[in-house]
Amino acid sequence: MESLLHLLQRPNLSPVSKMVTEAQKKATAKYKARSIVQKKLDFNKTTDADILKWLEGKTFSTYIKQLIRADIQKNPGK
């Protein structure tokens, strides 16, 4: 526990240690290309204002995934 406290109390790391290396960028891009699919969703600020208000404070991707999984459970095989 002492070592964890020591880590939490360290001064901020220098900007150099926060830099992302080219190898890290390449590895991240490779992972995303093989593992991630993005689906874009547009909202109209006027006609979808109720939805946007509802989503405030929610983690969007988690919320959408929960809704989809609930729909899958209600409608298996579709």
C-alpha atoms as a PDB file:
ATOM      1  CA  MET A   1       0.000   0.000   0.000  1.00  0.00           C
ATOM      2  CA  GLU A   2       2.875   2.371   0.738  1.00  0.00           C
ATOM      3  CA  SER A   3       4.207   2.025  -2.810  1.00  0.00           C
ATOM      4  CA  LEU A   4       0.784   2.925  -4.220  1.00  0.00           C
ATOM      5  CA  LEU A   5       0.608   6.014  -2.029  1.00  0.00           C
ATOM      6  CA  HIS A   6       4.109   6.939  -3.131  1.00  0.00           C
ATOM      7  CA  LEU A   7       3.024   6.740  -6.779  1.00  0.00           C
ATOM      8  CA  LEU A   8      -0.061   8.858  -6.160  1.00  0.00           C
ATOM      9  CA  GLN A   9       1.972  11.540  -4.418  1.00  0.00           C
ATOM     10  CA  ARG A  10       4.584  11.905  -7.173  1.00  0.00           C
ATOM     11  CA  PRO A  11       4.825  15.335  -8.775  1.00  0.00           C
ATOM     12  CA  ASN A  12       3.465  15.664 -12.283  1.00  0.00           C
ATOM     13  CA  LEU A  13       5.536  13.920 -14.876  1.00  0.00           C
ATOM     14  CA  SER A  14       7.437  16.020 -17.349  1.00  0.00           C
ATOM     15  CA  PRO A  15       5.845  16.652 -20.767  1.00  0.00           C
ATOM     16  CA  VAL A  16       8.479  14.422 -22.371  1.00  0.00           C
ATOM     17  CA  SER A  17       7.223  11.351 -20.483  1.00  0.00           C
ATOM     18  CA  LYS A  18       3.664  12.049 -21.683  1.00  0.00           C
ATOM     19  CA  MET A  19       4.610  12.068 -25.357  1.00  0.00           C
ATOM     20  CA  VAL A  20       3.391   9.209 -27.512  1.00  0.00           C
ATOM     21  CA  THR A  21       6.085   7.504 -29.527  1.00  0.00           C
ATOM     22  CA  GLU A  22       5.706   6.641 -33.183  1.00  0.00           C
ATOM     23  CA  ALA A  23       5.725   2.943 -32.222  1.00  0.00           C
ATOM     24  CA  GLN A  24       2.830   3.524 -29.807  1.00  0.00           C
ATOM     25  CA  LYS A  25       0.889   5.422 -32.484  1.00  0.00           C
ATOM     26  CA  LYS A  26       1.504   2.609 -34.971  1.00  0.00           C
ATOM     27  CA  ALA A  27       0.463  -0.073 -32.469  1.00  0.00           C
ATOM     28  CA  THR A  28      -2.712   1.841 -31.582  1.00  0.00           C
ATOM     29  CA  ALA A  29      -3.612   2.313 -35.242  1.00  0.00           C
ATOM     30  CA  LYS A  30      -3.017  -1.392 -35.923  1.00  0.00           C
ATOM     31  CA  TYR A  31      -5.210  -2.399 -32.959  1.00  0.00           C
ATOM     32  CA  LYS A  32      -8.013  -0.056 -34.020  1.00  0.00           C
ATOM     33  CA  ALA A  33      -7.886  -1.260 -37.635  1.00  0.00           C
ATOM     34  CA  ARG A  34      -8.215  -4.886 -36.577  1.00  0.00           C
ATOM     35  CA  SER A  35     -10.557  -4.522 -33.575  1.00  0.00           C
ATOM     36  CA  ILE A  36     -12.733  -1.408 -33.738  1.00  0.00           C
ATOM     37  CA  VAL A  37     -15.768  -0.550 -35.864  1.00  0.00           C
ATOM     38  CA  GLN A  38     -17.256   2.931 -35.647  1.00  0.00           C
ATOM     39  CA  LYS A  39     -20.861   3.812 -36.456  1.00  0.00           C
ATOM     40  CA  LYS A  40     -21.680   7.473 -36.869  1.00  0.00           C
ATOM     41  CA  LEU A  41     -24.928   8.929 -35.576  1.00  0.00           C
ATOM     42  CA  ASP A  42     -26.078  12.468 -36.332  1.00  0.00           C
ATOM     43  CA  PHE A  43     -28.438  14.483 -34.153  1.00  0.00           C
ATOM     44  CA  ASN A  44     -30.302  17.607 -35.205  1.00  0.00           C
ATOM     45  CA  LYS A  45     -29.956  20.256 -32.489  1.00  0.00           C
ATOM     46  CA  THR A  46     -33.573  21.342 -33.022  1.00  0.00           C
ATOM     47  CA  THR A  47     -35.603  18.227 -33.726  1.00  0.00           C
ATOM     48  CA  ASP A  48     -33.497  15.940 -31.518  1.00  0.00           C
ATOM     49  CA  ALA A  49     -33.083  18.365 -28.612  1.00  0.00           C
ATOM     50  CA  ASP A  50     -35.015  16.023 -26.292  1.00  0.00           C
ATOM     51  CA  ILE A  51     -32.634  13.166 -27.075  1.00  0.00           C
ATOM     52  CA  LEU A  52     -29.566  15.346 -26.609  1.00  0.00           C
ATOM     53  CA  LYS A  53     -30.898  16.544 -23.243  1.00  0.00           C
ATOM     54  CA  TRP A  54     -31.583  12.932 -22.185  1.00  0.00           C
ATOM     55  CA  LEU A  55     -28.045  11.890 -23.097  1.00  0.00           C
ATOM     56  CA  GLU A  56     -26.389  14.612 -20.991  1.00  0.00           C
ATOM     57  CA  GLY A  57     -24.198  13.050 -18.336  1.00  0.00           C
ATOM     58  CA  LYS A  58     -24.447   9.565 -19.851  1.00  0.00           C
ATOM     59  CA  THR A  59     -21.599   7.686 -21.496  1.00  0.00           C
ATOM     60  CA  PHE A  60     -23.003   7.576 -25.013  1.00  0.00           C
ATOM     61  CA  SER A  61     -21.441   4.376 -26.333  1.00  0.00           C
ATOM     62  CA  THR A  62     -22.239   2.427 -23.155  1.00  0.00           C
ATOM     63  CA  TYR A  63     -25.840   3.655 -23.179  1.00  0.00           C
ATOM     64  CA  ILE A  64     -26.369   2.751 -26.846  1.00  0.00           C
ATOM     65  CA  LYS A  65     -24.801  -0.699 -26.370  1.00  0.00           C
ATOM     66  CA  GLN A  66     -27.088  -1.379 -23.376  1.00  0.00           C
ATOM     67  CA  LEU A  67     -30.160  -0.424 -25.431  1.00  0.00           C
ATOM     68  CA  ILE A  68     -29.099  -2.634 -28.330  1.00  0.00           C
ATOM     69  CA  ARG A  69     -28.344  -5.603 -26.066  1.00  0.00           C
ATOM     70  CA  ALA A  70     -31.731  -5.198 -24.350  1.00  0.00           C
ATOM     71  CA  ASP A  71     -33.381  -5.205 -27.792  1.00  0.00           C
ATOM     72  CA  ILE A  72     -31.441  -8.341 -28.773  1.00  0.00           C
ATOM     73  CA  GLN A  73     -32.669 -10.081 -25.600  1.00  0.00           C
ATOM     74  CA  LYS A  74     -36.281  -9.123 -26.400  1.00  0.00           C
ATOM     75  CA  ASN A  75     -35.973 -10.195 -30.036  1.00  0.00           C
ATOM     76  CA  PRO A  76     -33.649 -13.205 -30.257  1.00  0.00           C
ATOM     77  CA  GLY A  77     -32.903 -14.500 -33.722  1.00  0.00           C
ATOM     78  CA  LYS A  78     -33.789 -11.303 -35.563  1.00  0.00           C
END
